[in-house]
């Protein structure tokens, strides 16, 4: 088995519940899946279906109540092993857009795509020295995408990475995510955007915390 065919992340019967007052809410129920290097995988489902919970388990930001989550991200660590584009973005407010990205490179000790190249391809040229609160939400989101991609992570998880983008900027984001997959990374993207889902290699469908379907979309 080649490295690209080996699952980078696998869930086996993973379940996660939360307490909401006196009520227990099953966010995920017995979800099993594998994502290999070289795959661009979409995650679809209505709001409340469990997409963000699943992404948090894949990223290791949360743990399942039952079942197993396994990651095989190679010898790297930190941003080289895994990167996340969360809905809350998490940019450091005291740092400029460029500094947010270059800090990731220093922490990851990586030599992936340069911030200059990423900013050019994401339509952020001229905004490098602005603080996050001086950027629009869409510009902040694209900065978070640049931060996630700069160390060429083995596993990249993105939660609605084109939610605040117009069509052209959404295409720029998706082109870079697709390139990360074609270069050997495993990429999981939650999105409501049918245009983006049509560009995935396959799409996982969640409903009420359960994986109800998986279909191949690339090339349609």
N, C-alpha and C. Protein backbone atom coordinates (compact mmCIF):
# COMPACT_ATOMS: atom_id res chain seq x y z
N UNK A 1 0.85 -1.20 0.00
CA UNK A 1 0.00 0.00 0.00
C UNK A 1 0.88 1.24 0.00
N UNK A 2 0.59 2.17 -0.92
CA UNK A 2 1.36 3.40 -0.96
C UNK A 2 0.90 4.33 0.14
N UNK A 3 1.74 5.34 0.43
CA UNK A 3 1.37 6.31 1.45
C UNK A 3 0.06 7.00 1.11
N UNK A 4 -0.15 7.33 -0.19
CA UNK A 4 -1.35 8.05 -0.56
C UNK A 4 -2.60 7.21 -0.40
N UNK A 5 -2.45 5.85 -0.43
CA UNK A 5 -3.61 4.97 -0.28
C UNK A 5 -3.89 4.62 1.17
N UNK A 6 -2.97 4.93 2.07
CA UNK A 6 -3.16 4.62 3.48
C UNK A 6 -4.05 5.69 4.11
N UNK A 7 -5.06 5.27 4.90
CA UNK A 7 -5.91 6.27 5.55
C UNK A 7 -5.09 7.22 6.42
N UNK A 8 -5.28 8.51 6.22
CA UNK A 8 -4.65 9.50 7.06
C UNK A 8 -5.45 9.68 8.34
N UNK A 9 -6.76 9.53 8.22
CA UNK A 9 -7.63 9.58 9.40
C UNK A 9 -8.74 8.56 9.22
N UNK A 10 -9.10 7.89 10.31
CA UNK A 10 -10.17 6.90 10.27
C UNK A 10 -11.00 6.99 11.54
N UNK A 11 -12.30 6.92 11.39
CA UNK A 11 -13.22 6.84 12.51
C UNK A 11 -13.89 5.48 12.48
N UNK A 12 -13.95 4.84 13.62
CA UNK A 12 -14.62 3.55 13.74
C UNK A 12 -15.71 3.65 14.79
N UNK A 13 -16.96 3.63 14.32
CA UNK A 13 -18.14 3.66 15.20
C UNK A 13 -18.05 4.79 16.23
N UNK A 14 -17.66 5.98 15.78
CA UNK A 14 -17.49 7.11 16.69
C UNK A 14 -18.83 7.77 17.00
N UNK A 15 -19.08 7.99 18.29
CA UNK A 15 -20.30 8.65 18.74
C UNK A 15 -19.93 9.77 19.70
N UNK A 16 -20.76 10.83 19.69
CA UNK A 16 -20.53 11.94 20.60
C UNK A 16 -21.87 12.56 20.97
N UNK A 17 -22.09 12.69 22.28
CA UNK A 17 -23.31 13.30 22.78
C UNK A 17 -22.98 14.48 23.67
N UNK A 18 -23.94 15.39 23.81
CA UNK A 18 -23.78 16.56 24.66
C UNK A 18 -25.01 16.72 25.54
N UNK A 19 -24.81 17.35 26.67
CA UNK A 19 -25.92 17.69 27.53
C UNK A 19 -26.44 19.08 27.19
N UNK A 20 -27.73 19.21 27.03
CA UNK A 20 -28.38 20.50 26.82
C UNK A 20 -29.45 20.63 27.90
N UNK A 21 -29.03 21.18 29.04
CA UNK A 21 -29.92 21.19 30.20
C UNK A 21 -30.12 19.77 30.71
N UNK A 22 -31.35 19.34 30.76
CA UNK A 22 -31.65 17.98 31.22
C UNK A 22 -31.72 16.98 30.08
N UNK A 23 -31.47 17.46 28.85
CA UNK A 23 -31.60 16.61 27.67
C UNK A 23 -30.23 16.22 27.14
N UNK A 24 -30.08 14.96 26.74
CA UNK A 24 -28.86 14.48 26.08
C UNK A 24 -29.08 14.50 24.58
N UNK A 25 -28.21 15.21 23.87
CA UNK A 25 -28.32 15.35 22.42
C UNK A 25 -27.23 14.50 21.77
N UNK A 26 -27.64 13.59 20.90
CA UNK A 26 -26.68 12.76 20.17
C UNK A 26 -26.20 13.52 18.94
N UNK A 27 -25.01 14.13 19.02
CA UNK A 27 -24.48 14.89 17.90
C UNK A 27 -23.98 13.99 16.79
N UNK A 28 -23.37 12.87 17.15
CA UNK A 28 -22.90 11.86 16.19
C UNK A 28 -23.23 10.48 16.72
N UNK A 29 -23.58 9.59 15.82
CA UNK A 29 -23.95 8.24 16.22
C UNK A 29 -23.32 7.20 15.31
N UNK A 30 -22.36 6.44 15.84
CA UNK A 30 -21.78 5.28 15.16
C UNK A 30 -21.26 5.64 13.77
N UNK A 31 -20.46 6.69 13.68
CA UNK A 31 -19.92 7.12 12.38
C UNK A 31 -18.60 6.43 12.11
N UNK A 32 -18.50 5.81 10.95
CA UNK A 32 -17.25 5.17 10.51
C UNK A 32 -16.88 5.73 9.13
N UNK A 33 -15.61 6.10 8.97
CA UNK A 33 -15.15 6.61 7.68
C UNK A 33 -13.63 6.57 7.63
N UNK A 34 -13.09 6.65 6.42
CA UNK A 34 -11.65 6.77 6.20
C UNK A 34 -11.40 7.84 5.15
N UNK A 35 -10.34 8.61 5.35
CA UNK A 35 -9.90 9.59 4.36
C UNK A 35 -8.42 9.36 4.11
N UNK A 36 -8.06 9.17 2.86
CA UNK A 36 -6.68 8.86 2.49
C UNK A 36 -5.96 10.09 1.95
N UNK A 37 -4.64 10.03 1.96
CA UNK A 37 -3.86 11.07 1.32
C UNK A 37 -4.22 11.17 -0.15
N UNK A 38 -4.31 12.40 -0.65
CA UNK A 38 -4.68 12.60 -2.03
C UNK A 38 -6.17 12.77 -2.26
N UNK A 39 -6.97 12.72 -1.19
CA UNK A 39 -8.41 12.85 -1.32
C UNK A 39 -8.91 14.23 -0.88
N UNK A 40 -9.81 14.78 -1.66
CA UNK A 40 -10.56 15.99 -1.31
C UNK A 40 -11.99 15.54 -1.05
N UNK A 41 -12.37 15.53 0.22
CA UNK A 41 -13.65 14.95 0.63
C UNK A 41 -14.56 16.04 1.18
N UNK A 42 -15.78 16.07 0.68
CA UNK A 42 -16.76 17.02 1.17
C UNK A 42 -17.62 16.41 2.26
N UNK A 43 -18.12 17.26 3.13
CA UNK A 43 -19.02 16.84 4.21
C UNK A 43 -20.26 17.71 4.11
N UNK A 44 -21.40 17.09 3.81
CA UNK A 44 -22.64 17.82 3.57
C UNK A 44 -23.70 17.40 4.57
N UNK A 45 -24.65 18.29 4.77
CA UNK A 45 -25.75 18.00 5.68
C UNK A 45 -26.35 19.29 6.18
N UNK A 46 -27.60 19.26 6.61
CA UNK A 46 -28.24 20.48 7.10
C UNK A 46 -27.60 20.95 8.40
N UNK A 47 -27.86 22.20 8.76
CA UNK A 47 -27.38 22.72 10.04
C UNK A 47 -27.90 21.84 11.17
N UNK A 48 -27.00 21.52 12.11
CA UNK A 48 -27.38 20.66 13.22
C UNK A 48 -27.23 19.19 12.94
N UNK A 49 -26.70 18.84 11.76
CA UNK A 49 -26.57 17.42 11.41
C UNK A 49 -25.36 16.76 12.04
N UNK A 50 -24.42 17.57 12.59
CA UNK A 50 -23.25 16.99 13.23
C UNK A 50 -21.95 17.25 12.49
N UNK A 51 -21.96 18.11 11.48
CA UNK A 51 -20.76 18.32 10.67
C UNK A 51 -19.60 18.87 11.50
N UNK A 52 -19.86 19.94 12.26
CA UNK A 52 -18.77 20.54 13.05
C UNK A 52 -18.28 19.57 14.12
N UNK A 53 -19.18 18.82 14.73
CA UNK A 53 -18.75 17.82 15.71
C UNK A 53 -17.83 16.79 15.07
N UNK A 54 -18.18 16.34 13.88
CA UNK A 54 -17.34 15.38 13.18
C UNK A 54 -15.98 15.98 12.85
N UNK A 55 -15.96 17.22 12.38
CA UNK A 55 -14.68 17.87 12.09
C UNK A 55 -13.82 17.99 13.35
N UNK A 56 -14.45 18.30 14.47
CA UNK A 56 -13.70 18.42 15.73
C UNK A 56 -13.10 17.09 16.15
N UNK A 57 -13.80 16.00 15.91
CA UNK A 57 -13.24 14.68 16.22
C UNK A 57 -12.07 14.36 15.29
N UNK A 58 -12.24 14.65 14.01
CA UNK A 58 -11.16 14.39 13.04
C UNK A 58 -9.93 15.20 13.41
N UNK A 59 -10.13 16.45 13.83
CA UNK A 59 -9.00 17.33 14.17
C UNK A 59 -8.40 17.04 15.53
N UNK A 60 -9.10 16.26 16.35
CA UNK A 60 -8.61 16.01 17.70
C UNK A 60 -8.97 17.09 18.69
N UNK A 61 -9.85 18.01 18.30
CA UNK A 61 -10.30 19.07 19.19
C UNK A 61 -11.36 18.58 20.18
N UNK A 62 -11.90 17.41 19.89
CA UNK A 62 -12.88 16.78 20.77
C UNK A 62 -12.64 15.28 20.70
N UNK A 63 -13.16 14.55 21.68
CA UNK A 63 -12.98 13.11 21.73
C UNK A 63 -14.34 12.42 21.71
N UNK A 64 -14.43 11.25 21.07
CA UNK A 64 -15.72 10.55 21.04
C UNK A 64 -16.06 9.94 22.40
N UNK A 65 -17.35 9.81 22.68
CA UNK A 65 -17.79 9.10 23.87
C UNK A 65 -17.52 7.60 23.73
N UNK A 66 -17.64 7.13 22.49
CA UNK A 66 -17.34 5.73 22.19
C UNK A 66 -16.83 5.66 20.77
N UNK A 67 -16.18 4.56 20.44
CA UNK A 67 -15.55 4.43 19.13
C UNK A 67 -14.12 4.94 19.15
N UNK A 68 -13.47 4.89 17.99
CA UNK A 68 -12.04 5.18 17.89
C UNK A 68 -11.78 6.14 16.74
N UNK A 69 -10.90 7.11 16.98
CA UNK A 69 -10.40 8.00 15.93
C UNK A 69 -8.89 7.77 15.81
N UNK A 70 -8.43 7.43 14.61
CA UNK A 70 -7.02 7.14 14.37
C UNK A 70 -6.49 8.08 13.31
N UNK A 71 -5.32 8.66 13.58
CA UNK A 71 -4.68 9.55 12.61
C UNK A 71 -3.30 9.00 12.26
N UNK A 72 -2.97 9.06 10.98
CA UNK A 72 -1.66 8.65 10.50
C UNK A 72 -1.11 9.80 9.67
N UNK A 73 -0.54 10.78 10.37
CA UNK A 73 -0.10 12.01 9.70
C UNK A 73 1.41 12.04 9.48
N UNK A 74 2.08 10.91 9.65
CA UNK A 74 3.50 10.84 9.37
C UNK A 74 4.34 11.41 10.49
N UNK A 75 5.64 11.65 10.23
CA UNK A 75 6.56 12.07 11.28
C UNK A 75 6.45 13.54 11.66
N UNK A 76 5.73 14.34 10.92
CA UNK A 76 5.64 15.76 11.22
C UNK A 76 4.84 16.03 12.48
N UNK A 77 4.88 17.28 12.91
CA UNK A 77 4.13 17.67 14.10
C UNK A 77 3.51 19.04 13.86
N UNK A 78 2.54 19.40 14.70
CA UNK A 78 1.93 20.72 14.63
C UNK A 78 1.28 20.98 13.29
N UNK A 79 1.54 22.17 12.73
CA UNK A 79 0.87 22.60 11.51
C UNK A 79 1.31 21.79 10.29
N UNK A 80 2.44 21.13 10.37
CA UNK A 80 2.86 20.26 9.27
C UNK A 80 2.03 18.99 9.23
N UNK A 81 1.65 18.49 10.41
CA UNK A 81 0.85 17.28 10.49
C UNK A 81 -0.61 17.57 10.18
N UNK A 82 -1.14 18.63 10.78
CA UNK A 82 -2.56 18.92 10.64
C UNK A 82 -2.82 20.41 10.77
N UNK A 83 -3.76 20.90 9.98
CA UNK A 83 -4.19 22.29 10.07
C UNK A 83 -5.69 22.35 9.97
N UNK A 84 -6.26 23.38 10.60
CA UNK A 84 -7.72 23.53 10.66
C UNK A 84 -8.09 24.95 10.24
N UNK A 85 -9.14 25.05 9.44
CA UNK A 85 -9.78 26.34 9.17
C UNK A 85 -11.14 26.29 9.87
N UNK A 86 -11.22 26.80 11.10
CA UNK A 86 -12.49 26.73 11.83
C UNK A 86 -13.43 27.86 11.44
N UNK A 87 -14.69 27.73 11.79
CA UNK A 87 -15.63 28.81 11.48
C UNK A 87 -15.28 30.09 12.23
N UNK A 88 -14.73 29.95 13.43
CA UNK A 88 -14.39 31.14 14.22
C UNK A 88 -13.06 31.76 13.78
N UNK A 89 -12.33 31.08 12.89
CA UNK A 89 -11.09 31.55 12.25
C UNK A 89 -9.89 31.60 13.19
N UNK A 90 -10.00 32.25 14.35
CA UNK A 90 -8.94 32.19 15.34
C UNK A 90 -7.67 32.93 14.98
N UNK A 91 -7.76 33.99 14.18
CA UNK A 91 -6.57 34.80 13.91
C UNK A 91 -6.18 35.56 15.17
N UNK A 92 -4.87 35.73 15.37
CA UNK A 92 -4.38 36.48 16.53
C UNK A 92 -4.58 37.96 16.27
N UNK A 93 -5.40 38.65 17.07
CA UNK A 93 -5.79 40.03 16.74
C UNK A 93 -4.65 41.03 16.76
N UNK A 94 -3.58 40.75 17.54
CA UNK A 94 -2.46 41.69 17.63
C UNK A 94 -1.47 41.56 16.47
N UNK A 95 -1.64 40.54 15.64
CA UNK A 95 -0.73 40.31 14.53
C UNK A 95 -1.39 40.68 13.21
N UNK A 96 -0.60 41.16 12.28
CA UNK A 96 -1.12 41.44 10.95
C UNK A 96 -1.48 40.14 10.24
N UNK A 97 -2.14 40.28 9.10
CA UNK A 97 -2.48 39.10 8.31
C UNK A 97 -1.22 38.29 7.97
N UNK A 98 -0.19 38.98 7.49
CA UNK A 98 1.05 38.29 7.13
C UNK A 98 1.71 37.66 8.34
N UNK A 99 1.69 38.34 9.47
CA UNK A 99 2.31 37.80 10.68
C UNK A 99 1.58 36.57 11.19
N UNK A 100 0.25 36.53 11.03
CA UNK A 100 -0.49 35.34 11.41
C UNK A 100 -0.03 34.12 10.62
N UNK A 101 0.27 34.34 9.35
CA UNK A 101 0.70 33.23 8.50
C UNK A 101 2.15 32.87 8.76
N UNK A 102 3.03 33.86 8.87
CA UNK A 102 4.45 33.57 9.08
C UNK A 102 4.70 32.98 10.47
N UNK A 103 3.87 33.32 11.45
CA UNK A 103 4.01 32.70 12.77
C UNK A 103 3.78 31.19 12.66
N UNK A 104 2.79 30.81 11.88
CA UNK A 104 2.54 29.38 11.67
C UNK A 104 3.75 28.70 11.05
N UNK A 105 4.38 29.35 10.08
CA UNK A 105 5.56 28.77 9.45
C UNK A 105 6.69 28.60 10.45
N UNK A 106 6.87 29.59 11.34
CA UNK A 106 7.94 29.48 12.32
C UNK A 106 7.65 28.37 13.33
N UNK A 107 6.41 28.30 13.79
CA UNK A 107 6.05 27.26 14.75
C UNK A 107 6.15 25.88 14.13
N UNK A 108 5.75 25.78 12.86
CA UNK A 108 5.80 24.49 12.18
C UNK A 108 7.15 24.15 11.60
N UNK A 109 8.06 25.14 11.57
CA UNK A 109 9.39 24.94 10.98
C UNK A 109 9.26 24.29 9.61
N UNK A 110 8.41 24.90 8.80
CA UNK A 110 8.07 24.28 7.53
C UNK A 110 8.55 25.12 6.36
N UNK A 111 8.52 24.51 5.20
CA UNK A 111 8.94 25.18 3.98
C UNK A 111 7.94 24.91 2.88
N UNK A 112 6.66 25.09 3.19
CA UNK A 112 5.61 24.87 2.21
C UNK A 112 5.42 26.10 1.34
N UNK A 113 4.18 26.31 0.90
CA UNK A 113 3.88 27.47 0.06
C UNK A 113 4.19 28.76 0.82
N UNK A 114 4.79 29.73 0.13
CA UNK A 114 5.18 30.97 0.78
C UNK A 114 3.97 31.85 1.02
N UNK A 115 3.99 32.68 2.06
CA UNK A 115 2.89 33.62 2.27
C UNK A 115 2.64 34.52 1.07
N UNK A 116 3.70 34.95 0.39
CA UNK A 116 3.53 35.82 -0.78
C UNK A 116 2.71 35.12 -1.84
N UNK A 117 3.04 33.86 -2.12
CA UNK A 117 2.31 33.10 -3.14
C UNK A 117 0.86 32.90 -2.72
N UNK A 118 0.64 32.53 -1.46
CA UNK A 118 -0.72 32.29 -0.99
C UNK A 118 -1.55 33.57 -1.00
N UNK A 119 -0.95 34.68 -0.56
CA UNK A 119 -1.69 35.94 -0.56
C UNK A 119 -2.04 36.37 -1.98
N UNK A 120 -1.14 36.12 -2.92
CA UNK A 120 -1.42 36.46 -4.31
C UNK A 120 -2.58 35.63 -4.83
N UNK A 121 -2.55 34.35 -4.58
CA UNK A 121 -3.55 33.45 -5.13
C UNK A 121 -4.90 33.56 -4.42
N UNK A 122 -4.89 34.14 -3.22
CA UNK A 122 -6.15 34.30 -2.48
C UNK A 122 -6.68 35.73 -2.52
N UNK A 123 -6.09 36.56 -3.39
CA UNK A 123 -6.59 37.91 -3.55
C UNK A 123 -6.39 38.79 -2.33
N UNK A 124 -5.27 38.59 -1.63
CA UNK A 124 -5.00 39.34 -0.41
C UNK A 124 -3.82 40.31 -0.55
N UNK A 125 -3.31 40.47 -1.76
CA UNK A 125 -2.19 41.38 -1.96
C UNK A 125 -2.61 42.80 -1.59
N UNK A 126 -1.75 43.47 -0.81
CA UNK A 126 -2.03 44.81 -0.33
C UNK A 126 -2.67 44.83 1.05
N UNK A 127 -3.04 43.66 1.54
CA UNK A 127 -3.69 43.57 2.86
C UNK A 127 -2.78 42.92 3.90
N UNK A 128 -1.54 42.63 3.51
CA UNK A 128 -0.65 41.87 4.38
C UNK A 128 -0.42 42.54 5.73
N UNK A 129 -0.36 43.86 5.76
CA UNK A 129 0.00 44.58 6.99
C UNK A 129 -1.21 45.05 7.80
N UNK A 130 -2.38 44.59 7.43
CA UNK A 130 -3.58 44.96 8.18
C UNK A 130 -3.83 43.96 9.32
N UNK A 131 -4.34 44.48 10.42
CA UNK A 131 -4.75 43.62 11.53
C UNK A 131 -6.07 42.95 11.17
N UNK A 132 -6.38 41.83 11.80
CA UNK A 132 -7.62 41.12 11.46
C UNK A 132 -8.87 41.99 11.51
N UNK A 133 -8.97 42.87 12.51
CA UNK A 133 -10.19 43.68 12.60
C UNK A 133 -10.24 44.80 11.56
N UNK A 134 -9.17 44.92 10.76
CA UNK A 134 -9.16 45.87 9.65
C UNK A 134 -9.52 45.18 8.33
N UNK A 135 -9.77 43.89 8.40
CA UNK A 135 -10.13 43.10 7.23
C UNK A 135 -11.61 42.76 7.28
N UNK A 136 -12.20 42.55 6.11
CA UNK A 136 -13.56 42.04 6.06
C UNK A 136 -13.56 40.59 6.56
N UNK A 137 -14.75 40.06 6.86
CA UNK A 137 -14.82 38.67 7.32
C UNK A 137 -14.30 37.72 6.24
N UNK A 138 -14.62 38.01 4.98
CA UNK A 138 -14.13 37.18 3.89
C UNK A 138 -12.62 37.21 3.78
N UNK A 139 -12.02 38.39 3.97
CA UNK A 139 -10.56 38.51 3.92
C UNK A 139 -9.92 37.79 5.10
N UNK A 140 -10.54 37.89 6.27
CA UNK A 140 -10.04 37.14 7.42
C UNK A 140 -10.10 35.64 7.13
N UNK A 141 -11.19 35.20 6.53
CA UNK A 141 -11.33 33.78 6.24
C UNK A 141 -10.25 33.30 5.27
N UNK A 142 -9.96 34.09 4.25
CA UNK A 142 -8.92 33.69 3.30
C UNK A 142 -7.55 33.72 3.95
N UNK A 143 -7.34 34.63 4.90
CA UNK A 143 -6.09 34.63 5.66
C UNK A 143 -5.97 33.35 6.47
N UNK A 144 -7.07 32.89 7.06
CA UNK A 144 -7.05 31.64 7.82
C UNK A 144 -6.77 30.45 6.90
N UNK A 145 -7.24 30.51 5.68
CA UNK A 145 -6.93 29.46 4.70
C UNK A 145 -5.45 29.47 4.38
N UNK A 146 -4.88 30.67 4.16
CA UNK A 146 -3.44 30.77 3.90
C UNK A 146 -2.63 30.22 5.06
N UNK A 147 -3.04 30.54 6.28
CA UNK A 147 -2.36 30.04 7.47
C UNK A 147 -2.39 28.52 7.50
N UNK A 148 -3.51 27.92 7.16
CA UNK A 148 -3.65 26.47 7.21
C UNK A 148 -2.81 25.78 6.14
N UNK A 149 -2.65 26.43 5.00
CA UNK A 149 -1.97 25.79 3.87
C UNK A 149 -0.46 25.99 3.86
N UNK A 150 0.04 26.97 4.61
CA UNK A 150 1.43 27.37 4.45
C UNK A 150 2.42 26.28 4.81
N UNK A 151 2.03 25.32 5.67
CA UNK A 151 2.94 24.23 6.03
C UNK A 151 2.61 22.93 5.31
N UNK A 152 1.74 23.00 4.30
CA UNK A 152 1.37 21.81 3.52
C UNK A 152 1.04 20.62 4.42
N UNK A 153 0.00 20.73 5.25
CA UNK A 153 -0.28 19.70 6.24
C UNK A 153 -0.70 18.37 5.62
N UNK A 154 -0.38 17.30 6.33
CA UNK A 154 -0.81 15.98 5.88
C UNK A 154 -2.33 15.84 5.95
N UNK A 155 -2.93 16.51 6.94
CA UNK A 155 -4.39 16.49 7.11
C UNK A 155 -4.88 17.92 7.26
N UNK A 156 -5.84 18.30 6.44
CA UNK A 156 -6.41 19.65 6.52
C UNK A 156 -7.92 19.51 6.69
N UNK A 157 -8.44 20.18 7.70
CA UNK A 157 -9.87 20.16 8.02
C UNK A 157 -10.39 21.59 7.90
N UNK A 158 -11.44 21.79 7.12
CA UNK A 158 -11.97 23.14 6.90
C UNK A 158 -13.48 23.14 7.10
N UNK A 159 -13.95 24.08 7.93
CA UNK A 159 -15.37 24.19 8.25
C UNK A 159 -15.94 25.41 7.53
N UNK A 160 -16.70 25.16 6.47
CA UNK A 160 -17.32 26.22 5.66
C UNK A 160 -16.30 27.27 5.21
N UNK A 161 -15.21 26.86 4.54
CA UNK A 161 -14.14 27.82 4.21
C UNK A 161 -14.51 28.83 3.14
N UNK A 162 -15.66 28.66 2.46
CA UNK A 162 -16.08 29.63 1.44
C UNK A 162 -17.37 30.34 1.84
N UNK A 163 -17.77 30.25 3.10
CA UNK A 163 -19.06 30.79 3.52
C UNK A 163 -19.17 32.29 3.33
N UNK A 164 -18.05 33.01 3.41
CA UNK A 164 -18.08 34.48 3.32
C UNK A 164 -17.43 34.99 2.04
N UNK A 165 -17.38 34.13 1.01
CA UNK A 165 -16.68 34.49 -0.22
C UNK A 165 -17.66 34.67 -1.37
N UNK A 166 -17.31 35.61 -2.26
CA UNK A 166 -18.04 35.65 -3.51
C UNK A 166 -17.56 34.49 -4.38
N UNK A 167 -18.16 34.36 -5.55
CA UNK A 167 -17.87 33.19 -6.38
C UNK A 167 -16.40 33.11 -6.78
N UNK A 168 -15.80 34.23 -7.17
CA UNK A 168 -14.40 34.21 -7.60
C UNK A 168 -13.47 33.82 -6.45
N UNK A 169 -13.67 34.40 -5.28
CA UNK A 169 -12.81 34.07 -4.15
C UNK A 169 -13.05 32.65 -3.66
N UNK A 170 -14.30 32.18 -3.75
CA UNK A 170 -14.57 30.78 -3.39
C UNK A 170 -13.80 29.84 -4.31
N UNK A 171 -13.75 30.19 -5.59
CA UNK A 171 -12.99 29.36 -6.53
C UNK A 171 -11.50 29.35 -6.18
N UNK A 172 -10.97 30.49 -5.75
CA UNK A 172 -9.56 30.56 -5.36
C UNK A 172 -9.29 29.64 -4.16
N UNK A 173 -10.17 29.69 -3.17
CA UNK A 173 -10.01 28.85 -1.99
C UNK A 173 -10.06 27.38 -2.38
N UNK A 174 -11.06 27.01 -3.16
CA UNK A 174 -11.22 25.60 -3.51
C UNK A 174 -10.08 25.10 -4.38
N UNK A 175 -9.55 25.96 -5.25
CA UNK A 175 -8.42 25.54 -6.08
C UNK A 175 -7.21 25.17 -5.22
N UNK A 176 -6.96 25.96 -4.17
CA UNK A 176 -5.83 25.67 -3.30
C UNK A 176 -6.07 24.43 -2.45
N UNK A 177 -7.29 24.22 -1.98
CA UNK A 177 -7.58 23.01 -1.22
C UNK A 177 -7.43 21.78 -2.11
N UNK A 178 -7.88 21.89 -3.36
CA UNK A 178 -7.73 20.78 -4.30
C UNK A 178 -6.26 20.48 -4.58
N UNK A 179 -5.44 21.52 -4.67
CA UNK A 179 -4.01 21.32 -4.90
C UNK A 179 -3.35 20.62 -3.72
N UNK A 180 -3.78 20.96 -2.50
CA UNK A 180 -3.23 20.28 -1.32
C UNK A 180 -3.53 18.80 -1.39
N UNK A 181 -4.74 18.44 -1.82
CA UNK A 181 -5.08 17.03 -1.97
C UNK A 181 -4.28 16.38 -3.09
N UNK A 182 -4.16 17.06 -4.23
CA UNK A 182 -3.43 16.47 -5.35
C UNK A 182 -1.96 16.30 -5.04
N UNK A 183 -1.46 17.06 -4.03
CA UNK A 183 -0.06 16.92 -3.61
C UNK A 183 0.11 15.87 -2.52
N UNK A 184 -0.96 15.19 -2.17
CA UNK A 184 -0.85 14.09 -1.22
C UNK A 184 -1.52 14.29 0.11
N UNK A 185 -2.05 15.48 0.36
CA UNK A 185 -2.73 15.73 1.62
C UNK A 185 -4.13 15.14 1.65
N UNK A 186 -4.62 14.87 2.85
CA UNK A 186 -6.01 14.47 3.03
C UNK A 186 -6.77 15.71 3.46
N UNK A 187 -7.82 16.06 2.71
CA UNK A 187 -8.55 17.30 2.94
C UNK A 187 -10.03 16.99 3.15
N UNK A 188 -10.57 17.44 4.28
CA UNK A 188 -11.99 17.26 4.60
C UNK A 188 -12.62 18.64 4.74
N UNK A 189 -13.66 18.90 3.95
CA UNK A 189 -14.27 20.22 3.89
C UNK A 189 -15.77 20.11 4.14
N UNK A 190 -16.26 20.76 5.19
CA UNK A 190 -17.70 20.86 5.41
C UNK A 190 -18.20 22.10 4.68
N UNK A 191 -19.26 21.94 3.89
CA UNK A 191 -19.78 23.07 3.14
C UNK A 191 -21.23 22.84 2.77
N UNK A 192 -21.98 23.95 2.64
CA UNK A 192 -23.34 23.90 2.12
C UNK A 192 -23.37 24.25 0.63
N UNK A 193 -22.23 24.61 0.07
CA UNK A 193 -22.16 25.14 -1.29
C UNK A 193 -22.13 24.00 -2.30
N UNK A 194 -23.19 23.86 -3.07
CA UNK A 194 -23.26 22.77 -4.05
C UNK A 194 -22.18 22.88 -5.11
N UNK A 195 -21.78 24.12 -5.46
CA UNK A 195 -20.70 24.28 -6.43
C UNK A 195 -19.40 23.70 -5.91
N UNK A 196 -19.15 23.89 -4.63
CA UNK A 196 -17.95 23.34 -4.04
C UNK A 196 -18.04 21.82 -3.91
N UNK A 197 -19.19 21.33 -3.50
CA UNK A 197 -19.36 19.89 -3.34
C UNK A 197 -19.16 19.16 -4.67
N UNK A 198 -19.54 19.80 -5.77
CA UNK A 198 -19.38 19.18 -7.09
C UNK A 198 -17.92 18.99 -7.47
N UNK A 199 -17.01 19.70 -6.78
CA UNK A 199 -15.59 19.60 -7.11
C UNK A 199 -14.85 18.61 -6.21
N UNK A 200 -15.56 18.00 -5.28
CA UNK A 200 -14.93 17.04 -4.37
C UNK A 200 -14.74 15.69 -5.06
N UNK A 201 -13.79 14.91 -4.55
CA UNK A 201 -13.63 13.54 -5.03
C UNK A 201 -14.82 12.69 -4.61
N UNK A 202 -15.28 12.91 -3.38
CA UNK A 202 -16.49 12.25 -2.90
C UNK A 202 -17.09 13.11 -1.80
N UNK A 203 -18.35 12.84 -1.51
CA UNK A 203 -19.08 13.63 -0.52
C UNK A 203 -19.72 12.70 0.49
N UNK A 204 -19.50 12.99 1.78
CA UNK A 204 -20.14 12.28 2.87
C UNK A 204 -21.35 13.09 3.31
N UNK A 205 -22.47 12.42 3.50
CA UNK A 205 -23.70 13.09 3.87
C UNK A 205 -24.10 12.71 5.29
N UNK A 206 -24.27 13.72 6.13
CA UNK A 206 -24.71 13.51 7.51
C UNK A 206 -26.15 13.96 7.66
N UNK A 207 -26.89 13.22 8.48
CA UNK A 207 -28.26 13.59 8.83
C UNK A 207 -28.53 13.12 10.25
N UNK A 208 -28.87 14.05 11.11
CA UNK A 208 -29.15 13.73 12.51
C UNK A 208 -28.03 12.93 13.16
N UNK A 209 -26.79 13.32 12.85
CA UNK A 209 -25.64 12.69 13.48
C UNK A 209 -25.22 11.36 12.90
N UNK A 210 -25.86 10.95 11.82
CA UNK A 210 -25.54 9.65 11.21
C UNK A 210 -25.04 9.84 9.80
N UNK A 211 -24.06 9.03 9.41
CA UNK A 211 -23.56 9.05 8.04
C UNK A 211 -24.53 8.24 7.19
N UNK A 212 -25.27 8.94 6.32
CA UNK A 212 -26.35 8.28 5.60
C UNK A 212 -25.99 7.95 4.16
N UNK A 213 -24.94 8.57 3.61
CA UNK A 213 -24.56 8.30 2.23
C UNK A 213 -23.14 8.79 1.98
N UNK A 214 -22.52 8.19 0.97
CA UNK A 214 -21.21 8.63 0.50
C UNK A 214 -21.22 8.47 -1.00
N UNK A 215 -20.99 9.56 -1.74
CA UNK A 215 -21.05 9.45 -3.19
C UNK A 215 -19.87 10.12 -3.84
N UNK A 216 -19.49 9.60 -4.99
CA UNK A 216 -18.41 10.15 -5.79
C UNK A 216 -18.96 11.30 -6.61
N UNK A 217 -18.26 12.44 -6.57
CA UNK A 217 -18.74 13.63 -7.28
C UNK A 217 -17.76 14.12 -8.33
N UNK A 218 -16.47 13.89 -8.14
CA UNK A 218 -15.46 14.47 -9.03
C UNK A 218 -15.71 14.01 -10.47
N UNK A 219 -15.64 14.96 -11.37
CA UNK A 219 -15.78 14.64 -12.79
C UNK A 219 -17.20 14.70 -13.29
N UNK A 220 -18.16 15.02 -12.40
CA UNK A 220 -19.53 15.13 -12.85
C UNK A 220 -19.71 16.35 -13.76
